[in-house]
């Protein structure tokens, strides 16, 4: 919410999307699927202000080579989610609040340890 207060142009764009897509005074569940900019704002907020800085450790099922480092089978690996979300090699201006990042291109996000790939557009 603080980012919407600091960035009135984003707040206005979000407001215009909501009043343009929602009929009446109440936002219904079925309206939520139509609000793509709202999704982008939420995703950007979660990227920039990660609720947890690391996820539970994962145990490797097989030995892997990662950037020249050998990681043995059964080793536990922690993922520093917040650091990944703020990495300037991955994100353009990572400390800037930019929901358009998730609007400008379809972003593929792997949300499970299975081979399922979810596309957020």
PDB file of N, CA and C in Angstrom:
ATOM      1  N   UNK A   1       0.823  -1.197   0.000  1.00  0.00           N
ATOM      2  CA  UNK A   1       0.000   0.000   0.000  1.00  0.00           C
ATOM      3  C   UNK A   1       0.863   1.254   0.000  1.00  0.00           C
ATOM      4  N   UNK A   2       1.983   1.197   0.679  1.00  0.00           N
ATOM      5  CA  UNK A   2       2.853   2.376   0.726  1.00  0.00           C
ATOM      6  C   UNK A   2       3.333   2.750  -0.667  1.00  0.00           C
ATOM      7  N   UNK A   3       3.583   1.748  -1.507  1.00  0.00           N
ATOM      8  CA  UNK A   3       4.020   2.047  -2.868  1.00  0.00           C
ATOM      9  C   UNK A   3       2.928   2.749  -3.664  1.00  0.00           C
ATOM     10  N   UNK A   4       1.679   2.428  -3.422  1.00  0.00           N
ATOM     11  CA  UNK A   4       0.588   3.119  -4.110  1.00  0.00           C
ATOM     12  C   UNK A   4       0.465   4.558  -3.632  1.00  0.00           C
ATOM     13  N   UNK A   5       0.784   4.797  -2.366  1.00  0.00           N
ATOM     14  CA  UNK A   5       0.761   6.164  -1.842  1.00  0.00           C
ATOM     15  C   UNK A   5       1.921   6.966  -2.432  1.00  0.00           C
ATOM     16  N   UNK A   6       3.084   6.329  -2.543  1.00  0.00           N
ATOM     17  CA  UNK A   6       4.267   7.023  -3.081  1.00  0.00           C
ATOM     18  C   UNK A   6       4.188   7.239  -4.588  1.00  0.00           C
ATOM     19  N   UNK A   7       3.463   6.385  -5.288  1.00  0.00           N
ATOM     20  CA  UNK A   7       3.392   6.449  -6.753  1.00  0.00           C
ATOM     21  C   UNK A   7       1.940   6.670  -7.178  1.00  0.00           C
ATOM     22  N   UNK A   8       1.538   7.920  -7.149  1.00  0.00           N
ATOM     23  CA  UNK A   8       0.141   8.255  -7.442  1.00  0.00           C
ATOM     24  C   UNK A   8      -0.264   7.872  -8.856  1.00  0.00           C
ATOM     25  N   UNK A   9       0.673   7.867  -9.805  1.00  0.00           N
ATOM     26  CA  UNK A   9       0.344   7.494 -11.179  1.00  0.00           C
ATOM     27  C   UNK A   9      -0.018   6.001 -11.270  1.00  0.00           C
ATOM     28  N   UNK A  10       0.623   5.177 -10.464  1.00  0.00           N
ATOM     29  CA  UNK A  10       0.295   3.751 -10.413  1.00  0.00           C
ATOM     30  C   UNK A  10      -1.059   3.568  -9.732  1.00  0.00           C
ATOM     31  N   UNK A  11      -1.282   4.306  -8.663  1.00  0.00           N
ATOM     32  CA  UNK A  11      -2.556   4.258  -7.953  1.00  0.00           C
ATOM     33  C   UNK A  11      -3.700   4.643  -8.893  1.00  0.00           C
ATOM     34  N   UNK A  12      -3.503   5.698  -9.670  1.00  0.00           N
ATOM     35  CA  UNK A  12      -4.544   6.163 -10.595  1.00  0.00           C
ATOM     36  C   UNK A  12      -4.802   5.136 -11.696  1.00  0.00           C
ATOM     37  N   UNK A  13      -3.753   4.560 -12.245  1.00  0.00           N
ATOM     38  CA  UNK A  13      -3.901   3.541 -13.290  1.00  0.00           C
ATOM     39  C   UNK A  13      -4.668   2.333 -12.749  1.00  0.00           C
ATOM     40  N   UNK A  14      -4.360   1.927 -11.535  1.00  0.00           N
ATOM     41  CA  UNK A  14      -5.050   0.805 -10.905  1.00  0.00           C
ATOM     42  C   UNK A  14      -6.520   1.151 -10.664  1.00  0.00           C
ATOM     43  N   UNK A  15      -6.765   2.344 -10.171  1.00  0.00           N
ATOM     44  CA  UNK A  15      -8.141   2.799  -9.925  1.00  0.00           C
ATOM     45  C   UNK A  15      -8.949   2.802 -11.223  1.00  0.00           C
ATOM     46  N   UNK A  16      -8.346   3.317 -12.300  1.00  0.00           N
ATOM     47  CA  UNK A  16      -9.036   3.368 -13.592  1.00  0.00           C
ATOM     48  C   UNK A  16      -9.348   1.964 -14.106  1.00  0.00           C
ATOM     49  N   UNK A  17      -8.417   1.021 -13.898  1.00  0.00           N
ATOM     50  CA  UNK A  17      -8.684  -0.356 -14.319  1.00  0.00           C
ATOM     51  C   UNK A  17      -9.866  -0.925 -13.550  1.00  0.00           C
ATOM     52  N   UNK A  18      -9.897  -0.685 -12.248  1.00  0.00           N
ATOM     53  CA  UNK A  18     -10.970  -1.240 -11.412  1.00  0.00           C
ATOM     54  C   UNK A  18     -12.324  -0.655 -11.799  1.00  0.00           C
ATOM     55  N   UNK A  19     -12.424   0.664 -11.908  1.00  0.00           N
ATOM     56  CA  UNK A  19     -13.738   1.247 -12.235  1.00  0.00           C
ATOM     57  C   UNK A  19     -14.142   0.938 -13.676  1.00  0.00           C
ATOM     58  N   UNK A  20     -13.164   0.680 -14.544  1.00  0.00           N
ATOM     59  CA  UNK A  20     -13.470   0.334 -15.931  1.00  0.00           C
ATOM     60  C   UNK A  20     -13.912  -1.102 -16.112  1.00  0.00           C
ATOM     61  N   UNK A  21     -13.530  -1.981 -15.218  1.00  0.00           N
ATOM     62  CA  UNK A  21     -13.825  -3.405 -15.368  1.00  0.00           C
ATOM     63  C   UNK A  21     -14.942  -3.896 -14.454  1.00  0.00           C
ATOM     64  N   UNK A  22     -15.174  -3.202 -13.373  1.00  0.00           N
ATOM     65  CA  UNK A  22     -16.115  -3.677 -12.360  1.00  0.00           C
ATOM     66  C   UNK A  22     -17.442  -2.960 -12.525  1.00  0.00           C
ATOM     67  N   UNK A  23     -18.509  -3.756 -12.547  1.00  0.00           N
ATOM     68  CA  UNK A  23     -19.841  -3.163 -12.618  1.00  0.00           C
ATOM     69  C   UNK A  23     -20.388  -3.013 -11.206  1.00  0.00           C
ATOM     70  N   UNK A  24     -20.908  -1.876 -10.896  1.00  0.00           N
ATOM     71  CA  UNK A  24     -21.467  -1.650  -9.567  1.00  0.00           C
ATOM     72  C   UNK A  24     -20.406  -1.212  -8.575  1.00  0.00           C
ATOM     73  N   UNK A  25     -20.767  -1.282  -7.305  1.00  0.00           N
ATOM     74  CA  UNK A  25     -19.901  -0.806  -6.225  1.00  0.00           C
ATOM     75  C   UNK A  25     -19.048  -1.893  -5.593  1.00  0.00           C
ATOM     76  N   UNK A  26     -19.327  -3.149  -5.928  1.00  0.00           N
ATOM     77  CA  UNK A  26     -18.662  -4.259  -5.271  1.00  0.00           C
ATOM     78  C   UNK A  26     -17.805  -5.026  -6.276  1.00  0.00           C
ATOM     79  N   UNK A  27     -16.590  -5.350  -5.874  1.00  0.00           N
ATOM     80  CA  UNK A  27     -15.719  -6.180  -6.700  1.00  0.00           C
ATOM     81  C   UNK A  27     -16.050  -7.639  -6.381  1.00  0.00           C
ATOM     82  N   UNK A  28     -16.529  -8.358  -7.376  1.00  0.00           N
ATOM     83  CA  UNK A  28     -16.896  -9.766  -7.210  1.00  0.00           C
ATOM     84  C   UNK A  28     -15.696 -10.648  -7.536  1.00  0.00           C
ATOM     85  N   UNK A  29     -15.745 -11.903  -7.097  1.00  0.00           N
ATOM     86  CA  UNK A  29     -14.651 -12.846  -7.367  1.00  0.00           C
ATOM     87  C   UNK A  29     -14.364 -12.960  -8.855  1.00  0.00           C
ATOM     88  N   UNK A  30     -15.397 -13.035  -9.674  1.00  0.00           N
ATOM     89  CA  UNK A  30     -15.191 -13.181 -11.123  1.00  0.00           C
ATOM     90  C   UNK A  30     -14.539 -11.941 -11.742  1.00  0.00           C
ATOM     91  N   UNK A  31     -14.665 -10.790 -11.084  1.00  0.00           N
ATOM     92  CA  UNK A  31     -14.003  -9.570 -11.576  1.00  0.00           C
ATOM     93  C   UNK A  31     -12.491  -9.655 -11.426  1.00  0.00           C
ATOM     94  N   UNK A  32     -12.028 -10.388 -10.437  1.00  0.00           N
ATOM     95  CA  UNK A  32     -10.593 -10.438 -10.125  1.00  0.00           C
ATOM     96  C   UNK A  32      -9.773 -10.957 -11.300  1.00  0.00           C
ATOM     97  N   UNK A  33     -10.322 -11.895 -12.071  1.00  0.00           N
ATOM     98  CA  UNK A  33      -9.580 -12.465 -13.196  1.00  0.00           C
ATOM     99  C   UNK A  33      -9.367 -11.451 -14.314  1.00  0.00           C
ATOM    100  N   UNK A  34     -10.184 -10.431 -14.374  1.00  0.00           N
ATOM    101  CA  UNK A  34     -10.096  -9.417 -15.426  1.00  0.00           C
ATOM    102  C   UNK A  34      -9.080  -8.315 -15.089  1.00  0.00           C
ATOM    103  N   UNK A  35      -8.683  -8.213 -13.841  1.00  0.00           N
ATOM    104  CA  UNK A  35      -7.863  -7.090 -13.380  1.00  0.00           C
ATOM    105  C   UNK A  35      -6.375  -7.418 -13.509  1.00  0.00           C
ATOM    106  N   UNK A  36      -5.856  -7.342 -14.718  1.00  0.00           N
ATOM    107  CA  UNK A  36      -4.463  -7.726 -14.970  1.00  0.00           C
ATOM    108  C   UNK A  36      -3.468  -6.752 -14.337  1.00  0.00           C
ATOM    109  N   UNK A  37      -3.789  -5.471 -14.298  1.00  0.00           N
ATOM    110  CA  UNK A  37      -2.856  -4.515 -13.684  1.00  0.00           C
ATOM    111  C   UNK A  37      -2.809  -4.723 -12.168  1.00  0.00           C
ATOM    112  N   UNK A  38      -3.944  -5.055 -11.573  1.00  0.00           N
ATOM    113  CA  UNK A  38      -3.958  -5.373 -10.141  1.00  0.00           C
ATOM    114  C   UNK A  38      -3.052  -6.565  -9.862  1.00  0.00           C
ATOM    115  N   UNK A  39      -3.122  -7.599 -10.712  1.00  0.00           N
ATOM    116  CA  UNK A  39      -2.229  -8.753 -10.561  1.00  0.00           C
ATOM    117  C   UNK A  39      -0.773  -8.316 -10.629  1.00  0.00           C
ATOM    118  N   UNK A  40      -0.472  -7.444 -11.587  1.00  0.00           N
ATOM    119  CA  UNK A  40       0.903  -6.965 -11.754  1.00  0.00           C
ATOM    120  C   UNK A  40       1.364  -6.187 -10.526  1.00  0.00           C
ATOM    121  N   UNK A  41       0.492  -5.358  -9.949  1.00  0.00           N
ATOM    122  CA  UNK A  41       0.831  -4.584  -8.745  1.00  0.00           C
ATOM    123  C   UNK A  41       1.115  -5.536  -7.579  1.00  0.00           C
ATOM    124  N   UNK A  42       0.281  -6.553  -7.424  1.00  0.00           N
ATOM    125  CA  UNK A  42       0.480  -7.516  -6.332  1.00  0.00           C
ATOM    126  C   UNK A  42       1.788  -8.285  -6.533  1.00  0.00           C
ATOM    127  N   UNK A  43       2.041  -8.758  -7.756  1.00  0.00           N
ATOM    128  CA  UNK A  43       3.283  -9.498  -8.025  1.00  0.00           C
ATOM    129  C   UNK A  43       4.517  -8.631  -7.788  1.00  0.00           C
ATOM    130  N   UNK A  44       4.459  -7.383  -8.207  1.00  0.00           N
ATOM    131  CA  UNK A  44       5.597  -6.482  -8.006  1.00  0.00           C
ATOM    132  C   UNK A  44       5.801  -6.196  -6.520  1.00  0.00           C
ATOM    133  N   UNK A  45       4.709  -6.031  -5.776  1.00  0.00           N
ATOM    134  CA  UNK A  45       4.825  -5.819  -4.333  1.00  0.00           C
ATOM    135  C   UNK A  45       5.454  -7.033  -3.661  1.00  0.00           C
ATOM    136  N   UNK A  46       5.044  -8.229  -4.078  1.00  0.00           N
ATOM    137  CA  UNK A  46       5.621  -9.444  -3.506  1.00  0.00           C
ATOM    138  C   UNK A  46       7.083  -9.624  -3.920  1.00  0.00           C
ATOM    139  N   UNK A  47       7.420  -9.199  -5.130  1.00  0.00           N
ATOM    140  CA  UNK A  47       8.813  -9.282  -5.567  1.00  0.00           C
ATOM    141  C   UNK A  47       9.688  -8.336  -4.756  1.00  0.00           C
ATOM    142  N   UNK A  48       9.236  -7.120  -4.622  1.00  0.00           N
ATOM    143  CA  UNK A  48      10.058  -6.110  -3.950  1.00  0.00           C
ATOM    144  C   UNK A  48      10.060  -6.274  -2.430  1.00  0.00           C
ATOM    145  N   UNK A  49       8.958  -6.685  -1.880  1.00  0.00           N
ATOM    146  CA  UNK A  49       8.822  -6.838  -0.425  1.00  0.00           C
ATOM    147  C   UNK A  49       8.471  -8.292  -0.120  1.00  0.00           C
ATOM    148  N   UNK A  50       9.426  -9.151  -0.362  1.00  0.00           N
ATOM    149  CA  UNK A  50       9.232 -10.587  -0.210  1.00  0.00           C
ATOM    150  C   UNK A  50       8.793 -10.914   1.219  1.00  0.00           C
ATOM    151  N   UNK A  51       7.694 -11.662   1.379  1.00  0.00           N
ATOM    152  CA  UNK A  51       7.213 -11.973   2.726  1.00  0.00           C
ATOM    153  C   UNK A  51       8.206 -12.801   3.548  1.00  0.00           C
ATOM    154  N   UNK A  52       9.007 -13.591   2.882  1.00  0.00           N
ATOM    155  CA  UNK A  52      10.030 -14.361   3.578  1.00  0.00           C
ATOM    156  C   UNK A  52      11.316 -14.275   2.757  1.00  0.00           C
ATOM    157  N   UNK A  53      12.437 -14.163   3.425  1.00  0.00           N
ATOM    158  CA  UNK A  53      13.685 -13.958   2.696  1.00  0.00           C
ATOM    159  C   UNK A  53      14.311 -15.246   2.194  1.00  0.00           C
ATOM    160  N   UNK A  54      13.866 -16.361   2.707  1.00  0.00           N
ATOM    161  CA  UNK A  54      14.350 -17.635   2.190  1.00  0.00           C
ATOM    162  C   UNK A  54      13.236 -18.672   2.321  1.00  0.00           C
ATOM    163  N   UNK A  55      13.311 -19.697   1.484  1.00  0.00           N
ATOM    164  CA  UNK A  55      12.328 -20.767   1.553  1.00  0.00           C
ATOM    165  C   UNK A  55      12.931 -21.938   2.312  1.00  0.00           C
ATOM    166  N   UNK A  56      12.122 -22.897   2.641  1.00  0.00           N
ATOM    167  CA  UNK A  56      12.619 -24.076   3.335  1.00  0.00           C
ATOM    168  C   UNK A  56      13.696 -24.755   2.502  1.00  0.00           C
ATOM    169  N   UNK A  57      14.657 -25.346   3.176  1.00  0.00           N
ATOM    170  CA  UNK A  57      15.753 -26.016   2.489  1.00  0.00           C
ATOM    171  C   UNK A  57      15.216 -27.164   1.634  1.00  0.00           C
ATOM    172  N   UNK A  58      15.875 -27.361   0.500  1.00  0.00           N
ATOM    173  CA  UNK A  58      15.543 -28.466  -0.393  1.00  0.00           C
ATOM    174  C   UNK A  58      16.711 -29.441  -0.419  1.00  0.00           C
ATOM    175  N   UNK A  59      16.407 -30.719  -0.431  1.00  0.00           N
ATOM    176  CA  UNK A  59      17.460 -31.734  -0.503  1.00  0.00           C
ATOM    177  C   UNK A  59      17.593 -32.189  -1.948  1.00  0.00           C
ATOM    178  N   UNK A  60      18.829 -32.228  -2.432  1.00  0.00           N
ATOM    179  CA  UNK A  60      19.078 -32.619  -3.815  1.00  0.00           C
ATOM    180  C   UNK A  60      18.895 -34.120  -3.995  1.00  0.00           C
ATOM    181  N   UNK A  61      18.233 -34.489  -5.071  1.00  0.00           N
ATOM    182  CA  UNK A  61      18.009 -35.900  -5.381  1.00  0.00           C
ATOM    183  C   UNK A  61      19.198 -36.503  -6.124  1.00  0.00           C
ATOM    184  N   UNK A  62      19.991 -35.629  -6.721  1.00  0.00           N
ATOM    185  CA  UNK A  62      21.170 -36.093  -7.453  1.00  0.00           C
ATOM    186  C   UNK A  62      22.245 -35.009  -7.408  1.00  0.00           C
ATOM    187  N   UNK A  63      23.477 -35.385  -7.645  1.00  0.00           N
ATOM    188  CA  UNK A  63      24.585 -34.429  -7.662  1.00  0.00           C
ATOM    189  C   UNK A  63      24.394 -33.470  -8.834  1.00  0.00           C
ATOM    190  N   UNK A  64      24.691 -32.190  -8.597  1.00  0.00           N
ATOM    191  CA  UNK A  64      24.576 -31.192  -9.662  1.00  0.00           C
ATOM    192  C   UNK A  64      25.801 -30.289  -9.661  1.00  0.00           C
ATOM    193  N   UNK A  65      26.037 -29.648 -10.791  1.00  0.00           N
ATOM    194  CA  UNK A  65      27.090 -28.658 -10.931  1.00  0.00           C
ATOM    195  C   UNK A  65      26.413 -27.313 -11.127  1.00  0.00           C
ATOM    196  N   UNK A  66      26.681 -26.367 -10.250  1.00  0.00           N
ATOM    197  CA  UNK A  66      26.052 -25.055 -10.316  1.00  0.00           C
ATOM    198  C   UNK A  66      27.137 -23.996 -10.368  1.00  0.00           C
ATOM    199  N   UNK A  67      27.290 -23.364 -11.520  1.00  0.00           N
ATOM    200  CA  UNK A  67      28.312 -22.325 -11.712  1.00  0.00           C
ATOM    201  C   UNK A  67      29.698 -22.787 -11.282  1.00  0.00           C
ATOM    202  N   UNK A  68      30.027 -24.027 -11.613  1.00  0.00           N
ATOM    203  CA  UNK A  68      31.349 -24.549 -11.294  1.00  0.00           C
ATOM    204  C   UNK A  68      31.481 -25.148  -9.909  1.00  0.00           C
ATOM    205  N   UNK A  69      30.427 -25.097  -9.122  1.00  0.00           N
ATOM    206  CA  UNK A  69      30.450 -25.695  -7.785  1.00  0.00           C
ATOM    207  C   UNK A  69      29.739 -27.045  -7.838  1.00  0.00           C
ATOM    208  N   UNK A  70      30.394 -28.064  -7.319  1.00  0.00           N
ATOM    209  CA  UNK A  70      29.767 -29.383  -7.254  1.00  0.00           C
ATOM    210  C   UNK A  70      28.964 -29.465  -5.965  1.00  0.00           C
ATOM    211  N   UNK A  71      27.689 -29.768  -6.119  1.00  0.00           N
ATOM    212  CA  UNK A  71      26.821 -29.920  -4.955  1.00  0.00           C
ATOM    213  C   UNK A  71      26.426 -31.386  -4.895  1.00  0.00           C
ATOM    214  N   UNK A  72      26.810 -32.081  -3.822  1.00  0.00           N
ATOM    215  CA  UNK A  72      26.577 -33.527  -3.760  1.00  0.00           C
ATOM    216  C   UNK A  72      25.109 -33.898  -3.545  1.00  0.00           C
ATOM    217  N   UNK A  73      24.794 -35.102  -3.957  1.00  0.00           N
ATOM    218  CA  UNK A  73      23.466 -35.667  -3.714  1.00  0.00           C
ATOM    219  C   UNK A  73      23.177 -35.634  -2.207  1.00  0.00           C
ATOM    220  N   UNK A  74      21.933 -35.402  -1.859  1.00  0.00           N
ATOM    221  CA  UNK A  74      21.438 -35.352  -0.474  1.00  0.00           C
ATOM    222  C   UNK A  74      21.873 -34.096   0.289  1.00  0.00           C
ATOM    223  N   UNK A  75      22.564 -33.177  -0.363  1.00  0.00           N
ATOM    224  CA  UNK A  75      22.906 -31.909   0.289  1.00  0.00           C
ATOM    225  C   UNK A  75      21.633 -31.062   0.396  1.00  0.00           C
ATOM    226  N   UNK A  76      21.580 -30.241   1.425  1.00  0.00           N
ATOM    227  CA  UNK A  76      20.455 -29.321   1.586  1.00  0.00           C
ATOM    228  C   UNK A  76      20.842 -27.962   1.032  1.00  0.00           C
ATOM    229  N   UNK A  77      19.927 -27.361   0.270  1.00  0.00           N
ATOM    230  CA  UNK A  77      20.185 -26.079  -0.379  1.00  0.00           C
ATOM    231  C   UNK A  77      19.107 -25.102   0.061  1.00  0.00           C
ATOM    232  N   UNK A  78      19.517 -23.896   0.442  1.00  0.00           N
ATOM    233  CA  UNK A  78      18.580 -22.818   0.765  1.00  0.00           C
ATOM    234  C   UNK A  78      18.551 -21.832  -0.388  1.00  0.00           C
ATOM    235  N   UNK A  79      17.389 -21.304  -0.682  1.00  0.00           N
ATOM    236  CA  UNK A  79      17.235 -20.303  -1.723  1.00  0.00           C
ATOM    237  C   UNK A  79      16.895 -18.972  -1.068  1.00  0.00           C
ATOM    238  N   UNK A  80      17.716 -17.993  -1.292  1.00  0.00           N
ATOM    239  CA  UNK A  80      17.503 -16.664  -0.736  1.00  0.00           C
ATOM    240  C   UNK A  80      16.599 -15.876  -1.689  1.00  0.00           C
ATOM    241  N   UNK A  81      15.310 -16.023  -1.514  1.00  0.00           N
ATOM    242  CA  UNK A  81      14.322 -15.477  -2.427  1.00  0.00           C
ATOM    243  C   UNK A  81      14.445 -13.957  -2.541  1.00  0.00           C
ATOM    244  N   UNK A  82      14.592 -13.282  -1.437  1.00  0.00           N
ATOM    245  CA  UNK A  82      14.676 -11.819  -1.474  1.00  0.00           C
ATOM    246  C   UNK A  82      15.880 -11.371  -2.289  1.00  0.00           C
ATOM    247  N   UNK A  83      17.014 -12.034  -2.114  1.00  0.00           N
ATOM    248  CA  UNK A  83      18.201 -11.666  -2.890  1.00  0.00           C
ATOM    249  C   UNK A  83      17.970 -11.877  -4.376  1.00  0.00           C
ATOM    250  N   UNK A  84      17.285 -12.941  -4.744  1.00  0.00           N
ATOM    251  CA  UNK A  84      16.980 -13.182  -6.163  1.00  0.00           C
ATOM    252  C   UNK A  84      16.047 -12.102  -6.699  1.00  0.00           C
ATOM    253  N   UNK A  85      15.114 -11.677  -5.864  1.00  0.00           N
ATOM    254  CA  UNK A  85      14.153 -10.656  -6.296  1.00  0.00           C
ATOM    255  C   UNK A  85      14.766  -9.270  -6.415  1.00  0.00           C
ATOM    256  N   UNK A  86      15.931  -9.067  -5.829  1.00  0.00           N
ATOM    257  CA  UNK A  86      16.595  -7.756  -5.881  1.00  0.00           C
ATOM    258  C   UNK A  86      17.854  -7.787  -6.739  1.00  0.00           C
ATOM    259  N   UNK A  87      18.059  -8.848  -7.489  1.00  0.00           N
ATOM    260  CA  UNK A  87      19.277  -9.030  -8.286  1.00  0.00           C
ATOM    261  C   UNK A  87      19.229  -8.163  -9.549  1.00  0.00           C
ATOM    262  N   UNK A  88      20.151  -7.193  -9.683  1.00  0.00           N
ATOM    263  CA  UNK A  88      20.152  -6.323 -10.860  1.00  0.00           C
ATOM    264  C   UNK A  88      20.509  -7.053 -12.149  1.00  0.00           C
ATOM    265  N   UNK A  89      21.061  -8.259 -12.051  1.00  0.00           N
ATOM    266  CA  UNK A  89      21.333  -9.040 -13.261  1.00  0.00           C
ATOM    267  C   UNK A  89      20.059  -9.687 -13.794  1.00  0.00           C
ATOM    268  N   UNK A  90      19.044  -9.773 -12.953  1.00  0.00           N
ATOM    269  CA  UNK A  90      17.779 -10.385 -13.349  1.00  0.00           C
ATOM    270  C   UNK A  90      16.708  -9.328 -13.613  1.00  0.00           C
ATOM    271  N   UNK A  91      16.654  -8.326 -12.754  1.00  0.00           N
ATOM    272  CA  UNK A  91      15.611  -7.308 -12.812  1.00  0.00           C
ATOM    273  C   UNK A  91      16.205  -5.954 -13.183  1.00  0.00           C
ATOM    274  N   UNK A  92      15.548  -5.261 -14.074  1.00  0.00           N
ATOM    275  CA  UNK A  92      15.950  -3.900 -14.409  1.00  0.00           C
ATOM    276  C   UNK A  92      15.506  -2.977 -13.274  1.00  0.00           C
ATOM    277  N   UNK A  93      16.427  -2.247 -12.691  1.00  0.00           N
ATOM    278  CA  UNK A  93      16.152  -1.359 -11.563  1.00  0.00           C
ATOM    279  C   UNK A  93      15.343  -2.095 -10.476  1.00  0.00           C
ATOM    280  N   UNK A  94      15.957  -3.088  -9.832  1.00  0.00           N
ATOM    281  CA  UNK A  94      15.215  -3.957  -8.911  1.00  0.00           C
ATOM    282  C   UNK A  94      14.614  -3.267  -7.688  1.00  0.00           C
ATOM    283  N   UNK A  95      15.151  -2.128  -7.277  1.00  0.00           N
ATOM    284  CA  UNK A  95      14.610  -1.466  -6.096  1.00  0.00           C
ATOM    285  C   UNK A  95      13.515  -0.447  -6.459  1.00  0.00           C
ATOM    286  N   UNK A  96      13.230  -0.309  -7.733  1.00  0.00           N
ATOM    287  CA  UNK A  96      12.180   0.596  -8.203  1.00  0.00           C
ATOM    288  C   UNK A  96      10.864  -0.188  -8.266  1.00  0.00           C
ATOM    289  N   UNK A  97       9.779   0.400  -7.790  1.00  0.00           N
ATOM    290  CA  UNK A  97       8.467  -0.251  -7.846  1.00  0.00           C
ATOM    291  C   UNK A  97       7.881  -0.044  -9.231  1.00  0.00           C
ATOM    292  N   UNK A  98       7.876  -1.116 -10.042  1.00  0.00           N
ATOM    293  CA  UNK A  98       7.422  -1.035 -11.433  1.00  0.00           C
ATOM    294  C   UNK A  98       6.511  -2.207 -11.778  1.00  0.00           C
ATOM    295  N   UNK A  99       5.215  -2.115 -11.549  1.00  0.00           N
ATOM    296  CA  UNK A  99       4.299  -3.201 -11.908  1.00  0.00           C
ATOM    297  C   UNK A  99       4.329  -3.522 -13.402  1.00  0.00           C
ATOM    298  N   UNK A 100       4.711  -2.546 -14.221  1.00  0.00           N
ATOM    299  CA  UNK A 100       4.767  -2.755 -15.668  1.00  0.00           C
ATOM    300  C   UNK A 100       5.701  -3.895 -16.052  1.00  0.00           C
ATOM    301  N   UNK A 101       6.635  -4.215 -15.170  1.00  0.00           N
ATOM    302  CA  UNK A 101       7.526  -5.349 -15.411  1.00  0.00           C
ATOM    303  C   UNK A 101       6.710  -6.602 -15.695  1.00  0.00           C
ATOM    304  N   UNK A 102       5.595  -6.757 -15.003  1.00  0.00           N
ATOM    305  CA  UNK A 102       4.761  -7.945 -15.160  1.00  0.00           C
ATOM    306  C   UNK A 102       3.683  -7.761 -16.213  1.00  0.00           C
ATOM    307  N   UNK A 103       3.601  -6.574 -16.796  1.00  0.00           N
ATOM    308  CA  UNK A 103       2.613  -6.310 -17.840  1.00  0.00           C
ATOM    309  C   UNK A 103       3.281  -6.314 -19.208  1.00  0.00           C
ATOM    310  N   UNK A 104       4.497  -5.782 -19.292  1.00  0.00           N
ATOM    311  CA  UNK A 104       5.181  -5.598 -20.577  1.00  0.00           C
ATOM    312  C   UNK A 104       5.434  -6.907 -21.304  1.00  0.00           C
ATOM    313  N   UNK A 105       5.655  -7.973 -20.576  1.00  0.00           N
ATOM    314  CA  UNK A 105       5.895  -9.280 -21.184  1.00  0.00           C
ATOM    315  C   UNK A 105       5.273 -10.341 -20.306  1.00  0.00           C
ATOM    316  N   UNK A 106       4.874 -11.432 -20.925  1.00  0.00           N
ATOM    317  CA  UNK A 106       4.379 -12.544 -20.121  1.00  0.00           C
ATOM    318  C   UNK A 106       5.550 -13.072 -19.321  1.00  0.00           C
ATOM    319  N   UNK A 107       5.351 -13.235 -18.031  1.00  0.00           N
ATOM    320  CA  UNK A 107       6.403 -13.703 -17.152  1.00  0.00           C
ATOM    321  C   UNK A 107       6.109 -15.139 -16.774  1.00  0.00           C
ATOM    322  N   UNK A 108       7.046 -16.023 -17.046  1.00  0.00           N
ATOM    323  CA  UNK A 108       6.866 -17.426 -16.708  1.00  0.00           C
ATOM    324  C   UNK A 108       7.443 -17.667 -15.325  1.00  0.00           C
ATOM    325  N   UNK A 109       6.627 -18.205 -14.460  1.00  0.00           N
ATOM    326  CA  UNK A 109       7.021 -18.425 -13.077  1.00  0.00           C
ATOM    327  C   UNK A 109       6.773 -19.880 -12.720  1.00  0.00           C
ATOM    328  N   UNK A 110       7.801 -20.576 -12.288  1.00  0.00           N
ATOM    329  CA  UNK A 110       7.648 -21.953 -11.859  1.00  0.00           C
ATOM    330  C   UNK A 110       7.242 -21.942 -10.392  1.00  0.00           C
ATOM    331  N   UNK A 111       6.020 -22.343 -10.118  1.00  0.00           N
ATOM    332  CA  UNK A 111       5.485 -22.253  -8.768  1.00  0.00           C
ATOM    333  C   UNK A 111       5.488 -23.579  -8.019  1.00  0.00           C
ATOM    334  N   UNK A 112       6.106 -24.591  -8.595  1.00  0.00           N
ATOM    335  CA  UNK A 112       6.111 -25.880  -7.907  1.00  0.00           C
ATOM    336  C   UNK A 112       7.413 -26.605  -8.183  1.00  0.00           C
ATOM    337  N   UNK A 113       7.620 -27.707  -7.493  1.00  0.00           N
ATOM    338  CA  UNK A 113       8.820 -28.492  -7.761  1.00  0.00           C
ATOM    339  C   UNK A 113       8.554 -29.520  -8.855  1.00  0.00           C
ATOM    340  N   UNK A 114       7.344 -29.518  -9.387  1.00  0.00           N
ATOM    341  CA  UNK A 114       7.017 -30.379 -10.524  1.00  0.00           C
ATOM    342  C   UNK A 114       7.421 -29.655 -11.809  1.00  0.00           C
ATOM    343  N   UNK A 115       7.082 -30.231 -12.917  1.00  0.00           N
ATOM    344  CA  UNK A 115       7.438 -29.615 -14.197  1.00  0.00           C
ATOM    345  C   UNK A 115       6.354 -28.663 -14.703  1.00  0.00           C
ATOM    346  N   UNK A 116       5.391 -28.335 -13.852  1.00  0.00           N
ATOM    347  CA  UNK A 116       4.331 -27.432 -14.244  1.00  0.00           C
ATOM    348  C   UNK A 116       4.859 -26.017 -14.328  1.00  0.00           C
ATOM    349  N   UNK A 117       4.452 -25.291 -15.352  1.00  0.00           N
ATOM    350  CA  UNK A 117       4.888 -23.917 -15.534  1.00  0.00           C
ATOM    351  C   UNK A 117       3.639 -23.055 -15.638  1.00  0.00           C
ATOM    352  N   UNK A 118       3.539 -22.060 -14.796  1.00  0.00           N
ATOM    353  CA  UNK A 118       2.400 -21.182 -14.791  1.00  0.00           C
ATOM    354  C   UNK A 118       2.774 -19.890 -15.511  1.00  0.00           C
ATOM    355  N   UNK A 119       1.923 -19.414 -16.392  1.00  0.00           N
ATOM    356  CA  UNK A 119       2.191 -18.204 -17.138  1.00  0.00           C
ATOM    357  C   UNK A 119       1.295 -17.100 -16.609  1.00  0.00           C
ATOM    358  N   UNK A 120       1.904 -15.993 -16.241  1.00  0.00           N
ATOM    359  CA  UNK A 120       1.169 -14.843 -15.717  1.00  0.00           C
ATOM    360  C   UNK A 120       1.279 -13.728 -16.736  1.00  0.00           C
ATOM    361  N   UNK A 121       0.168 -13.314 -17.308  1.00  0.00           N
ATOM    362  CA  UNK A 121       0.187 -12.251 -18.322  1.00  0.00           C
ATOM    363  C   UNK A 121      -0.736 -11.114 -17.919  1.00  0.00           C
TER     364      UNK A 121
END
